Amino acid sequence: METEKSSYDKLPLELLTGFFYEVHKNIEKGILSNAMYHEIRLIEQSALKRGISLEYPHDKVHK
């Protein structure tokens, strides 16, 4: 069974990962609403299909 494709599946890997981190950072800053976590999930699903990890290094950056 093939899963539904999102527009994120069409993005180059560098753009996908960059977009993920920018959206996440802007949610934390309060620039974007928590509703954008839905977009984060779509990006994560696209990354998973490609076999890559998008582990957010938040705790490592701020320590």
N, C-alpha and C. Protein backbone atom coordinates (compact mmCIF):
# COMPACT_ATOMS: atom_id res chain seq x y z
N MET A 1 0.84 -1.18 0.00
CA MET A 1 0.00 0.00 0.00
C MET A 1 0.89 1.25 0.00
N GLU A 2 0.69 2.12 -0.95
CA GLU A 2 1.49 3.32 -1.06
C GLU A 2 0.87 4.44 -0.23
N THR A 3 1.73 5.17 0.48
CA THR A 3 1.24 6.27 1.30
C THR A 3 1.06 7.52 0.45
N GLU A 4 0.22 8.40 0.92
CA GLU A 4 -0.04 9.65 0.23
C GLU A 4 1.20 10.54 0.26
N LYS A 5 1.49 11.20 -0.84
CA LYS A 5 2.65 12.07 -0.92
C LYS A 5 2.27 13.50 -0.56
N SER A 6 3.18 14.16 0.13
CA SER A 6 2.97 15.57 0.45
C SER A 6 3.92 16.39 -0.41
N SER A 7 3.72 17.68 -0.41
CA SER A 7 4.61 18.55 -1.17
C SER A 7 6.03 18.50 -0.61
N TYR A 8 6.18 18.12 0.65
CA TYR A 8 7.51 17.99 1.24
C TYR A 8 8.32 16.86 0.62
N ASP A 9 7.63 15.85 0.10
CA ASP A 9 8.32 14.73 -0.54
C ASP A 9 9.07 15.16 -1.80
N LYS A 10 8.68 16.28 -2.36
CA LYS A 10 9.29 16.76 -3.60
C LYS A 10 10.48 17.69 -3.36
N LEU A 11 10.67 18.12 -2.12
CA LEU A 11 11.75 19.06 -1.82
C LEU A 11 13.10 18.36 -1.78
N PRO A 12 14.14 19.05 -2.22
CA PRO A 12 15.49 18.50 -2.04
C PRO A 12 15.78 18.35 -0.54
N LEU A 13 16.61 17.40 -0.21
CA LEU A 13 16.91 17.08 1.18
C LEU A 13 17.38 18.30 1.97
N GLU A 14 18.26 19.10 1.41
CA GLU A 14 18.79 20.27 2.11
C GLU A 14 17.69 21.27 2.44
N LEU A 15 16.76 21.45 1.50
CA LEU A 15 15.66 22.38 1.72
C LEU A 15 14.69 21.83 2.76
N LEU A 16 14.43 20.53 2.71
CA LEU A 16 13.54 19.89 3.67
C LEU A 16 14.07 20.04 5.10
N THR A 17 15.34 19.74 5.30
CA THR A 17 15.90 19.83 6.65
C THR A 17 15.99 21.28 7.11
N GLY A 18 16.36 22.17 6.22
CA GLY A 18 16.42 23.59 6.58
C GLY A 18 15.06 24.14 6.96
N PHE A 19 14.05 23.76 6.21
CA PHE A 19 12.69 24.21 6.50
C PHE A 19 12.24 23.68 7.86
N PHE A 20 12.55 22.41 8.13
CA PHE A 20 12.19 21.80 9.41
C PHE A 20 12.76 22.62 10.57
N TYR A 21 14.04 22.94 10.53
CA TYR A 21 14.67 23.66 11.63
C TYR A 21 14.16 25.09 11.74
N GLU A 22 13.89 25.75 10.63
CA GLU A 22 13.37 27.12 10.67
C GLU A 22 11.97 27.16 11.26
N VAL A 23 11.11 26.25 10.84
CA VAL A 23 9.74 26.20 11.38
C VAL A 23 9.80 25.92 12.88
N HIS A 24 10.59 24.94 13.26
CA HIS A 24 10.71 24.57 14.68
C HIS A 24 11.21 25.76 15.51
N LYS A 25 12.23 26.43 15.02
CA LYS A 25 12.81 27.58 15.72
C LYS A 25 11.77 28.70 15.86
N ASN A 26 11.00 28.95 14.82
CA ASN A 26 10.00 30.01 14.87
C ASN A 26 8.81 29.67 15.76
N ILE A 27 8.49 28.40 15.89
CA ILE A 27 7.46 27.99 16.84
C ILE A 27 7.94 28.29 18.26
N GLU A 28 9.19 27.92 18.55
CA GLU A 28 9.75 28.15 19.89
C GLU A 28 9.82 29.63 20.23
N LYS A 29 10.10 30.47 19.24
CA LYS A 29 10.17 31.91 19.47
C LYS A 29 8.79 32.55 19.56
N GLY A 30 7.75 31.80 19.21
CA GLY A 30 6.39 32.34 19.25
C GLY A 30 5.99 33.07 17.98
N ILE A 31 6.85 33.03 16.97
CA ILE A 31 6.55 33.69 15.70
C ILE A 31 5.47 32.90 14.95
N LEU A 32 5.57 31.58 15.00
CA LEU A 32 4.57 30.71 14.40
C LEU A 32 3.79 30.01 15.51
N SER A 33 2.54 29.70 15.24
CA SER A 33 1.70 29.08 16.26
C SER A 33 2.02 27.60 16.42
N ASN A 34 1.54 27.04 17.51
CA ASN A 34 1.72 25.61 17.76
C ASN A 34 1.01 24.76 16.71
N ALA A 35 0.08 25.36 15.97
CA ALA A 35 -0.60 24.62 14.90
C ALA A 35 0.39 24.19 13.82
N MET A 36 1.53 24.86 13.76
CA MET A 36 2.54 24.50 12.77
C MET A 36 3.20 23.17 13.08
N TYR A 37 2.95 22.61 14.26
CA TYR A 37 3.48 21.28 14.56
C TYR A 37 2.94 20.24 13.58
N HIS A 38 1.76 20.51 13.01
CA HIS A 38 1.23 19.61 11.97
C HIS A 38 2.19 19.59 10.78
N GLU A 39 2.70 20.75 10.40
CA GLU A 39 3.66 20.83 9.31
C GLU A 39 4.95 20.10 9.67
N ILE A 40 5.37 20.24 10.92
CA ILE A 40 6.55 19.53 11.40
C ILE A 40 6.37 18.03 11.21
N ARG A 41 5.20 17.52 11.55
CA ARG A 41 4.93 16.07 11.42
C ARG A 41 4.99 15.64 9.95
N LEU A 42 4.45 16.48 9.05
CA LEU A 42 4.51 16.14 7.63
C LEU A 42 5.96 16.09 7.13
N ILE A 43 6.76 17.04 7.60
CA ILE A 43 8.18 17.05 7.22
C ILE A 43 8.88 15.81 7.77
N GLU A 44 8.57 15.46 9.02
CA GLU A 44 9.18 14.27 9.62
C GLU A 44 8.79 13.01 8.86
N GLN A 45 7.54 12.92 8.42
CA GLN A 45 7.10 11.76 7.65
C GLN A 45 7.85 11.67 6.33
N SER A 46 8.05 12.81 5.69
CA SER A 46 8.79 12.83 4.43
C SER A 46 10.23 12.38 4.66
N ALA A 47 10.84 12.86 5.73
CA ALA A 47 12.22 12.46 6.05
C ALA A 47 12.30 10.97 6.33
N LEU A 48 11.32 10.45 7.05
CA LEU A 48 11.29 9.03 7.37
C LEU A 48 11.22 8.18 6.10
N LYS A 49 10.42 8.62 5.14
CA LYS A 49 10.32 7.90 3.86
C LYS A 49 11.68 7.85 3.16
N ARG A 50 12.49 8.89 3.39
CA ARG A 50 13.80 8.97 2.75
C ARG A 50 14.90 8.31 3.59
N GLY A 51 14.53 7.89 4.80
CA GLY A 51 15.48 7.20 5.66
C GLY A 51 16.44 8.13 6.38
N ILE A 52 16.00 9.38 6.65
CA ILE A 52 16.87 10.32 7.36
C ILE A 52 16.22 10.72 8.69
N SER A 53 17.05 11.17 9.61
CA SER A 53 16.59 11.60 10.92
C SER A 53 16.62 13.12 10.98
N LEU A 54 15.60 13.69 11.60
CA LEU A 54 15.54 15.13 11.81
C LEU A 54 15.55 15.46 13.29
N GLU A 55 16.30 14.68 14.05
CA GLU A 55 16.36 14.91 15.49
C GLU A 55 16.75 16.36 15.73
N TYR A 56 15.92 17.06 16.44
CA TYR A 56 16.15 18.48 16.70
C TYR A 56 17.15 18.62 17.85
N PRO A 57 18.30 19.22 17.61
CA PRO A 57 19.35 19.29 18.64
C PRO A 57 19.15 20.43 19.65
N HIS A 58 17.90 20.75 19.95
CA HIS A 58 17.57 21.88 20.85
C HIS A 58 18.31 21.80 22.16
N ASP A 59 18.24 20.65 22.82
CA ASP A 59 18.89 20.53 24.14
C ASP A 59 20.39 20.67 24.03
N LYS A 60 20.98 20.21 22.95
CA LYS A 60 22.42 20.29 22.79
C LYS A 60 22.87 21.72 22.52
N VAL A 61 22.05 22.47 21.82
CA VAL A 61 22.41 23.85 21.45
C VAL A 61 22.38 24.77 22.65
N HIS A 62 21.41 24.58 23.53
CA HIS A 62 21.20 25.51 24.63
C HIS A 62 21.90 25.12 25.92
N LYS A 63 22.72 24.09 25.90
CA LYS A 63 23.42 23.68 27.11
C LYS A 63 24.81 24.25 27.16
